[in-house]
ModelCIF file with pLDDT and N, C-alpha, C, O atoms, coordinates in Angstrom:
data_MODEL
#
_entry.id   MODEL 
#
_entity.id                         1 
_entity.type                       polymer 
_entity.pdbx_number_of_molecules   1 
#
_entity_poly.entity_id                      1 
_entity_poly.type                           'polypeptide(L)' 
_entity_poly.nstd_linkage                   no 
_entity_poly.nstd_monomer                   no 
_entity_poly.pdbx_seq_one_letter_code       VVVDMSDLKLLETIFGTGDSYFRALEYLDVDATDG 
_entity_poly.pdbx_seq_one_letter_code_can   VVVDMSDLKLLETIFGTGDSYFRALEYLDVDATDG 
_entity_poly.pdbx_strand_id                 A 
#
loop_
_entity_poly_seq.entity_id 
_entity_poly_seq.num 
_entity_poly_seq.mon_id 
_entity_poly_seq.hetero 
1 1  VAL n 
1 2  VAL n 
1 3  VAL n 
1 4  ASP n 
1 5  MET n 
1 6  SER n 
1 7  ASP n 
1 8  LEU n 
1 9  LYS n 
1 10 LEU n 
1 11 LEU n 
1 12 GLU n 
1 13 THR n 
1 14 ILE n 
1 15 PHE n 
1 16 GLY n 
1 17 THR n 
1 18 GLY n 
1 19 ASP n 
1 20 SER n 
1 21 TYR n 
1 22 PHE n 
1 23 ARG n 
1 24 ALA n 
1 25 LEU n 
1 26 GLU n 
1 27 TYR n 
1 28 LEU n 
1 29 ASP n 
1 30 VAL n 
1 31 ASP n 
1 32 ALA n 
1 33 THR n 
1 34 ASP n 
1 35 GLY n 
#
_struct_asym.id          A 
_struct_asym.entity_id   1 
#
loop_
_ma_qa_metric.id 
_ma_qa_metric.mode 
_ma_qa_metric.name 
_ma_qa_metric.software_group_id 
_ma_qa_metric.type 
1 global pLDDT . pLDDT 
2 local  pLDDT . pLDDT 
#
_ma_qa_metric_global.metric_id      1 
_ma_qa_metric_global.metric_value   95.29 
_ma_qa_metric_global.model_id       1 
_ma_qa_metric_global.ordinal_id     1 
#
loop_
_ma_qa_metric_local.label_asym_id 
_ma_qa_metric_local.label_comp_id 
_ma_qa_metric_local.label_seq_id 
_ma_qa_metric_local.metric_id 
_ma_qa_metric_local.metric_value 
_ma_qa_metric_local.model_id 
_ma_qa_metric_local.ordinal_id 
A VAL 1  2 98.00 1 1  
A VAL 2  2 98.00 1 2  
A VAL 3  2 98.00 1 3  
A ASP 4  2 96.00 1 4  
A MET 5  2 96.00 1 5  
A SER 6  2 97.00 1 6  
A ASP 7  2 94.00 1 7  
A LEU 8  2 96.00 1 8  
A LYS 9  2 96.00 1 9  
A LEU 10 2 94.00 1 10 
A LEU 11 2 96.00 1 11 
A GLU 12 2 96.00 1 12 
A THR 13 2 92.00 1 13 
A ILE 14 2 93.00 1 14 
A PHE 15 2 96.00 1 15 
A GLY 16 2 97.00 1 16 
A THR 17 2 96.00 1 17 
A GLY 18 2 96.00 1 18 
A ASP 19 2 96.00 1 19 
A SER 20 2 97.00 1 20 
A TYR 21 2 98.00 1 21 
A PHE 22 2 97.00 1 22 
A ARG 23 2 97.00 1 23 
A ALA 24 2 97.00 1 24 
A LEU 25 2 97.00 1 25 
A GLU 26 2 96.00 1 26 
A TYR 27 2 97.00 1 27 
A LEU 28 2 97.00 1 28 
A ASP 29 2 96.00 1 29 
A VAL 30 2 95.00 1 30 
A ASP 31 2 92.00 1 31 
A ALA 32 2 88.00 1 32 
A THR 33 2 90.00 1 33 
A ASP 34 2 90.00 1 34 
A GLY 35 2 90.00 1 35 
#
loop_
_atom_site.group_PDB 
_atom_site.id 
_atom_site.type_symbol 
_atom_site.label_atom_id 
_atom_site.label_alt_id 
_atom_site.label_comp_id 
_atom_site.label_asym_id 
_atom_site.label_entity_id 
_atom_site.label_seq_id 
_atom_site.pdbx_PDB_ins_code 
_atom_site.Cartn_x 
_atom_site.Cartn_y 
_atom_site.Cartn_z 
_atom_site.occupancy 
_atom_site.B_iso_or_equiv 
_atom_site.pdbx_formal_charge 
_atom_site.auth_seq_id 
_atom_site.auth_comp_id 
_atom_site.auth_asym_id 
_atom_site.auth_atom_id 
_atom_site.pdbx_PDB_model_num 
ATOM 1   N N  . VAL A 1 1  ? 17.267  -10.021 -15.754 1.00 98.00 ? 1  VAL A N  1 
ATOM 2   C CA . VAL A 1 1  ? 17.300  -8.817  -14.933 1.00 98.00 ? 1  VAL A CA 1 
ATOM 3   C C  . VAL A 1 1  ? 16.079  -8.848  -14.017 1.00 98.00 ? 1  VAL A C  1 
ATOM 4   O O  . VAL A 1 1  ? 14.947  -8.918  -14.496 1.00 98.00 ? 1  VAL A O  1 
ATOM 5   N N  . VAL A 1 2  ? 16.301  -8.795  -12.708 1.00 98.00 ? 2  VAL A N  1 
ATOM 6   C CA . VAL A 1 2  ? 15.209  -8.906  -11.737 1.00 98.00 ? 2  VAL A CA 1 
ATOM 7   C C  . VAL A 1 2  ? 14.880  -7.514  -11.194 1.00 98.00 ? 2  VAL A C  1 
ATOM 8   O O  . VAL A 1 2  ? 15.685  -6.904  -10.490 1.00 98.00 ? 2  VAL A O  1 
ATOM 9   N N  . VAL A 1 3  ? 13.695  -7.026  -11.529 1.00 98.00 ? 3  VAL A N  1 
ATOM 10  C CA . VAL A 1 3  ? 13.264  -5.696  -11.111 1.00 98.00 ? 3  VAL A CA 1 
ATOM 11  C C  . VAL A 1 3  ? 13.189  -5.609  -9.591  1.00 98.00 ? 3  VAL A C  1 
ATOM 12  O O  . VAL A 1 3  ? 13.498  -4.569  -9.010  1.00 98.00 ? 3  VAL A O  1 
ATOM 13  N N  . ASP A 1 4  ? 12.777  -6.708  -8.944  1.00 96.00 ? 4  ASP A N  1 
ATOM 14  C CA . ASP A 1 4  ? 12.598  -6.704  -7.493  1.00 96.00 ? 4  ASP A CA 1 
ATOM 15  C C  . ASP A 1 4  ? 13.923  -6.591  -6.737  1.00 96.00 ? 4  ASP A C  1 
ATOM 16  O O  . ASP A 1 4  ? 13.917  -6.406  -5.520  1.00 96.00 ? 4  ASP A O  1 
ATOM 17  N N  . MET A 1 5  ? 15.037  -6.696  -7.420  1.00 96.00 ? 5  MET A N  1 
ATOM 18  C CA . MET A 1 5  ? 16.332  -6.508  -6.783  1.00 96.00 ? 5  MET A CA 1 
ATOM 19  C C  . MET A 1 5  ? 16.719  -5.029  -6.716  1.00 96.00 ? 5  MET A C  1 
ATOM 20  O O  . MET A 1 5  ? 17.765  -4.676  -6.172  1.00 96.00 ? 5  MET A O  1 
ATOM 21  N N  . SER A 1 6  ? 15.882  -4.188  -7.264  1.00 97.00 ? 6  SER A N  1 
ATOM 22  C CA . SER A 1 6  ? 16.084  -2.740  -7.172  1.00 97.00 ? 6  SER A CA 1 
ATOM 23  C C  . SER A 1 6  ? 15.305  -2.180  -5.993  1.00 97.00 ? 6  SER A C  1 
ATOM 24  O O  . SER A 1 6  ? 14.196  -2.634  -5.711  1.00 97.00 ? 6  SER A O  1 
ATOM 25  N N  . ASP A 1 7  ? 15.873  -1.201  -5.304  1.00 94.00 ? 7  ASP A N  1 
ATOM 26  C CA . ASP A 1 7  ? 15.163  -0.554  -4.204  1.00 94.00 ? 7  ASP A CA 1 
ATOM 27  C C  . ASP A 1 7  ? 13.899  0.151   -4.686  1.00 94.00 ? 7  ASP A C  1 
ATOM 28  O O  . ASP A 1 7  ? 12.971  0.363   -3.905  1.00 94.00 ? 7  ASP A O  1 
ATOM 29  N N  . LEU A 1 8  ? 13.856  0.513   -5.961  1.00 96.00 ? 8  LEU A N  1 
ATOM 30  C CA . LEU A 1 8  ? 12.670  1.183   -6.499  1.00 96.00 ? 8  LEU A CA 1 
ATOM 31  C C  . LEU A 1 8  ? 11.416  0.333   -6.354  1.00 96.00 ? 8  LEU A C  1 
ATOM 32  O O  . LEU A 1 8  ? 10.314  0.869   -6.236  1.00 96.00 ? 8  LEU A O  1 
ATOM 33  N N  . LYS A 1 9  ? 11.573  -0.986  -6.361  1.00 96.00 ? 9  LYS A N  1 
ATOM 34  C CA . LYS A 1 9  ? 10.411  -1.872  -6.256  1.00 96.00 ? 9  LYS A CA 1 
ATOM 35  C C  . LYS A 1 9  ? 9.689   -1.694  -4.922  1.00 96.00 ? 9  LYS A C  1 
ATOM 36  O O  . LYS A 1 9  ? 8.505   -2.005  -4.802  1.00 96.00 ? 9  LYS A O  1 
ATOM 37  N N  . LEU A 1 10 ? 10.424  -1.183  -3.908  1.00 94.00 ? 10 LEU A N  1 
ATOM 38  C CA . LEU A 1 10 ? 9.818   -0.983  -2.600  1.00 94.00 ? 10 LEU A CA 1 
ATOM 39  C C  . LEU A 1 10 ? 8.720   0.079   -2.645  1.00 94.00 ? 10 LEU A C  1 
ATOM 40  O O  . LEU A 1 10 ? 7.838   0.091   -1.787  1.00 94.00 ? 10 LEU A O  1 
ATOM 41  N N  . LEU A 1 11 ? 8.765   0.959   -3.627  1.00 96.00 ? 11 LEU A N  1 
ATOM 42  C CA . LEU A 1 11 ? 7.678   1.935   -3.760  1.00 96.00 ? 11 LEU A CA 1 
ATOM 43  C C  . LEU A 1 11 ? 6.337   1.232   -3.914  1.00 96.00 ? 11 LEU A C  1 
ATOM 44  O O  . LEU A 1 11 ? 5.326   1.666   -3.363  1.00 96.00 ? 11 LEU A O  1 
ATOM 45  N N  . GLU A 1 12 ? 6.346   0.148   -4.667  1.00 96.00 ? 12 GLU A N  1 
ATOM 46  C CA . GLU A 1 12 ? 5.117   -0.625  -4.862  1.00 96.00 ? 12 GLU A CA 1 
ATOM 47  C C  . GLU A 1 12 ? 4.843   -1.547  -3.680  1.00 96.00 ? 12 GLU A C  1 
ATOM 48  O O  . GLU A 1 12 ? 3.759   -1.515  -3.097  1.00 96.00 ? 12 GLU A O  1 
ATOM 49  N N  . THR A 1 13 ? 5.835   -2.372  -3.327  1.00 92.00 ? 13 THR A N  1 
ATOM 50  C CA . THR A 1 13 ? 5.577   -3.454  -2.383  1.00 92.00 ? 13 THR A CA 1 
ATOM 51  C C  . THR A 1 13 ? 5.371   -2.969  -0.954  1.00 92.00 ? 13 THR A C  1 
ATOM 52  O O  . THR A 1 13 ? 4.652   -3.607  -0.185  1.00 92.00 ? 13 THR A O  1 
ATOM 53  N N  . ILE A 1 14 ? 5.988   -1.854  -0.589  1.00 93.00 ? 14 ILE A N  1 
ATOM 54  C CA . ILE A 1 14 ? 5.780   -1.305  0.751   1.00 93.00 ? 14 ILE A CA 1 
ATOM 55  C C  . ILE A 1 14 ? 4.736   -0.193  0.724   1.00 93.00 ? 14 ILE A C  1 
ATOM 56  O O  . ILE A 1 14 ? 3.672   -0.313  1.333   1.00 93.00 ? 14 ILE A O  1 
ATOM 57  N N  . PHE A 1 15 ? 5.046   0.874   0.023   1.00 96.00 ? 15 PHE A N  1 
ATOM 58  C CA . PHE A 1 15 ? 4.233   2.084   0.144   1.00 96.00 ? 15 PHE A CA 1 
ATOM 59  C C  . PHE A 1 15 ? 2.932   2.019   -0.661  1.00 96.00 ? 15 PHE A C  1 
ATOM 60  O O  . PHE A 1 15 ? 1.897   2.504   -0.205  1.00 96.00 ? 15 PHE A O  1 
ATOM 61  N N  . GLY A 1 16 ? 2.979   1.429   -1.842  1.00 97.00 ? 16 GLY A N  1 
ATOM 62  C CA . GLY A 1 16 ? 1.743   1.273   -2.606  1.00 97.00 ? 16 GLY A CA 1 
ATOM 63  C C  . GLY A 1 16 ? 0.771   0.339   -1.924  1.00 97.00 ? 16 GLY A C  1 
ATOM 64  O O  . GLY A 1 16 ? -0.440  0.559   -1.949  1.00 97.00 ? 16 GLY A O  1 
ATOM 65  N N  . THR A 1 17 ? 1.313   -0.722  -1.305  1.00 96.00 ? 17 THR A N  1 
ATOM 66  C CA . THR A 1 17 ? 0.454   -1.677  -0.605  1.00 96.00 ? 17 THR A CA 1 
ATOM 67  C C  . THR A 1 17 ? -0.153  -1.061  0.647   1.00 96.00 ? 17 THR A C  1 
ATOM 68  O O  . THR A 1 17 ? -1.339  -1.243  0.918   1.00 96.00 ? 17 THR A O  1 
ATOM 69  N N  . GLY A 1 18 ? 0.660   -0.328  1.415   1.00 96.00 ? 18 GLY A N  1 
ATOM 70  C CA . GLY A 1 18 ? 0.130   0.333   2.613   1.00 96.00 ? 18 GLY A CA 1 
ATOM 71  C C  . GLY A 1 18 ? -0.961  1.329   2.276   1.00 96.00 ? 18 GLY A C  1 
ATOM 72  O O  . GLY A 1 18 ? -1.988  1.392   2.952   1.00 96.00 ? 18 GLY A O  1 
ATOM 73  N N  . ASP A 1 19 ? -0.737  2.103   1.229   1.00 96.00 ? 19 ASP A N  1 
ATOM 74  C CA . ASP A 1 19 ? -1.741  3.058   0.770   1.00 96.00 ? 19 ASP A CA 1 
ATOM 75  C C  . ASP A 1 19 ? -3.024  2.339   0.360   1.00 96.00 ? 19 ASP A C  1 
ATOM 76  O O  . ASP A 1 19 ? -4.122  2.814   0.649   1.00 96.00 ? 19 ASP A O  1 
ATOM 77  N N  . SER A 1 20 ? -2.887  1.202   -0.309  1.00 97.00 ? 20 SER A N  1 
ATOM 78  C CA . SER A 1 20 ? -4.071  0.496   -0.810  1.00 97.00 ? 20 SER A CA 1 
ATOM 79  C C  . SER A 1 20 ? -4.907  -0.082  0.324   1.00 97.00 ? 20 SER A C  1 
ATOM 80  O O  . SER A 1 20 ? -6.124  -0.203  0.191   1.00 97.00 ? 20 SER A O  1 
ATOM 81  N N  . TYR A 1 21 ? -4.267  -0.445  1.445   1.00 98.00 ? 21 TYR A N  1 
ATOM 82  C CA . TYR A 1 21 ? -5.017  -0.958  2.587   1.00 98.00 ? 21 TYR A CA 1 
ATOM 83  C C  . TYR A 1 21 ? -6.012  0.090   3.077   1.00 98.00 ? 21 TYR A C  1 
ATOM 84  O O  . TYR A 1 21 ? -7.186  -0.214  3.288   1.00 98.00 ? 21 TYR A O  1 
ATOM 85  N N  . PHE A 1 22 ? -5.547  1.310   3.256   1.00 97.00 ? 22 PHE A N  1 
ATOM 86  C CA . PHE A 1 22 ? -6.443  2.353   3.756   1.00 97.00 ? 22 PHE A CA 1 
ATOM 87  C C  . PHE A 1 22 ? -7.451  2.797   2.688   1.00 97.00 ? 22 PHE A C  1 
ATOM 88  O O  . PHE A 1 22 ? -8.580  3.156   3.022   1.00 97.00 ? 22 PHE A O  1 
ATOM 89  N N  . ARG A 1 23 ? -7.061  2.778   1.431   1.00 97.00 ? 23 ARG A N  1 
ATOM 90  C CA . ARG A 1 23 ? -8.033  3.095   0.378   1.00 97.00 ? 23 ARG A CA 1 
ATOM 91  C C  . ARG A 1 23 ? -9.137  2.051   0.325   1.00 97.00 ? 23 ARG A C  1 
ATOM 92  O O  . ARG A 1 23 ? -10.295 2.374   0.059   1.00 97.00 ? 23 ARG A O  1 
ATOM 93  N N  . ALA A 1 24 ? -8.774  0.794   0.580   1.00 97.00 ? 24 ALA A N  1 
ATOM 94  C CA . ALA A 1 24 ? -9.786  -0.270  0.584   1.00 97.00 ? 24 ALA A CA 1 
ATOM 95  C C  . ALA A 1 24 ? -10.770 -0.086  1.730   1.00 97.00 ? 24 ALA A C  1 
ATOM 96  O O  . ALA A 1 24 ? -11.973 -0.273  1.547   1.00 97.00 ? 24 ALA A O  1 
ATOM 97  N N  . LEU A 1 25 ? -10.275 0.279   2.915   1.00 97.00 ? 25 LEU A N  1 
ATOM 98  C CA . LEU A 1 25 ? -11.178 0.517   4.043   1.00 97.00 ? 25 LEU A CA 1 
ATOM 99  C C  . LEU A 1 25 ? -12.121 1.675   3.739   1.00 97.00 ? 25 LEU A C  1 
ATOM 100 O O  . LEU A 1 25 ? -13.309 1.619   4.058   1.00 97.00 ? 25 LEU A O  1 
ATOM 101 N N  . GLU A 1 26 ? -11.587 2.717   3.125   1.00 96.00 ? 26 GLU A N  1 
ATOM 102 C CA . GLU A 1 26 ? -12.437 3.855   2.748   1.00 96.00 ? 26 GLU A CA 1 
ATOM 103 C C  . GLU A 1 26 ? -13.494 3.422   1.739   1.00 96.00 ? 26 GLU A C  1 
ATOM 104 O O  . GLU A 1 26 ? -14.652 3.828   1.833   1.00 96.00 ? 26 GLU A O  1 
ATOM 105 N N  . TYR A 1 27 ? -13.096 2.602   0.779   1.00 97.00 ? 27 TYR A N  1 
ATOM 106 C CA . TYR A 1 27 ? -14.030 2.117   -0.241  1.00 97.00 ? 27 TYR A CA 1 
ATOM 107 C C  . TYR A 1 27 ? -15.159 1.314   0.406   1.00 97.00 ? 27 TYR A C  1 
ATOM 108 O O  . TYR A 1 27 ? -16.304 1.368   -0.044  1.00 97.00 ? 27 TYR A O  1 
ATOM 109 N N  . LEU A 1 28 ? -14.827 0.566   1.468   1.00 97.00 ? 28 LEU A N  1 
ATOM 110 C CA . LEU A 1 28 ? -15.816 -0.265  2.164   1.00 97.00 ? 28 LEU A CA 1 
ATOM 111 C C  . LEU A 1 28 ? -16.548 0.495   3.274   1.00 97.00 ? 28 LEU A C  1 
ATOM 112 O O  . LEU A 1 28 ? -17.285 -0.096  4.062   1.00 97.00 ? 28 LEU A O  1 
ATOM 113 N N  . ASP A 1 29 ? -16.333 1.813   3.325   1.00 96.00 ? 29 ASP A N  1 
ATOM 114 C CA . ASP A 1 29 ? -16.984 2.677   4.329   1.00 96.00 ? 29 ASP A CA 1 
ATOM 115 C C  . ASP A 1 29 ? -16.644 2.262   5.758   1.00 96.00 ? 29 ASP A C  1 
ATOM 116 O O  . ASP A 1 29 ? -17.474 2.370   6.662   1.00 96.00 ? 29 ASP A O  1 
ATOM 117 N N  . VAL A 1 30 ? -15.425 1.792   5.947   1.00 95.00 ? 30 VAL A N  1 
ATOM 118 C CA . VAL A 1 30 ? -14.938 1.457   7.283   1.00 95.00 ? 30 VAL A CA 1 
ATOM 119 C C  . VAL A 1 30 ? -14.214 2.672   7.848   1.00 95.00 ? 30 VAL A C  1 
ATOM 120 O O  . VAL A 1 30 ? -13.326 3.222   7.196   1.00 95.00 ? 30 VAL A O  1 
ATOM 121 N N  . ASP A 1 31 ? -14.577 3.088   9.031   1.00 92.00 ? 31 ASP A N  1 
ATOM 122 C CA . ASP A 1 31 ? -13.921 4.222   9.670   1.00 92.00 ? 31 ASP A CA 1 
ATOM 123 C C  . ASP A 1 31 ? -12.549 3.780   10.172  1.00 92.00 ? 31 ASP A C  1 
ATOM 124 O O  . ASP A 1 31 ? -12.439 3.081   11.179  1.00 92.00 ? 31 ASP A O  1 
ATOM 125 N N  . ALA A 1 32 ? -11.513 4.194   9.461   1.00 88.00 ? 32 ALA A N  1 
ATOM 126 C CA . ALA A 1 32 ? -10.160 3.809   9.837   1.00 88.00 ? 32 ALA A CA 1 
ATOM 127 C C  . ALA A 1 32 ? -9.373  4.981   10.399  1.00 88.00 ? 32 ALA A C  1 
ATOM 128 O O  . ALA A 1 32 ? -8.145  4.934   10.471  1.00 88.00 ? 32 ALA A O  1 
ATOM 129 N N  . THR A 1 33 ? -10.078 6.030   10.796  1.00 90.00 ? 33 THR A N  1 
ATOM 130 C CA . THR A 1 33 ? -9.382  7.221   11.287  1.00 90.00 ? 33 THR A CA 1 
ATOM 131 C C  . THR A 1 33 ? -8.948  7.074   12.736  1.00 90.00 ? 33 THR A C  1 
ATOM 132 O O  . THR A 1 33 ? -8.062  7.797   13.193  1.00 90.00 ? 33 THR A O  1 
ATOM 133 N N  . ASP A 1 34 ? -9.560  6.150   13.464  1.00 90.00 ? 34 ASP A N  1 
ATOM 134 C CA . ASP A 1 34 ? -9.183  5.919   14.856  1.00 90.00 ? 34 ASP A CA 1 
ATOM 135 C C  . ASP A 1 34 ? -8.177  4.776   14.958  1.00 90.00 ? 34 ASP A C  1 
ATOM 136 O O  . ASP A 1 34 ? -8.131  3.895   14.099  1.00 90.00 ? 34 ASP A O  1 
ATOM 137 N N  . GLY A 1 35 ? -7.388  4.802   16.003  1.00 90.00 ? 35 GLY A N  1 
ATOM 138 C CA . GLY A 1 35 ? -6.441  3.731   16.255  1.00 90.00 ? 35 GLY A CA 1 
ATOM 139 C C  . GLY A 1 35 ? -6.754  3.064   17.577  1.00 90.00 ? 35 GLY A C  1 
ATOM 140 O O  . GLY A 1 35 ? -6.063  2.126   17.975  1.00 90.00 ? 35 GLY A O  1 
#
C-alpha cells in the first residue's frame, strides 16, 4: 500500500514543505515579507 498514491500526502509534500520554507527564513532572520 503506497501512502503517496493518496491525495492526502499532498498536505505534506506541497503545503507542509511550502510552510517550512518560510519558517526556515524566519528562523534565519531573513526578511521574507517583501517580494
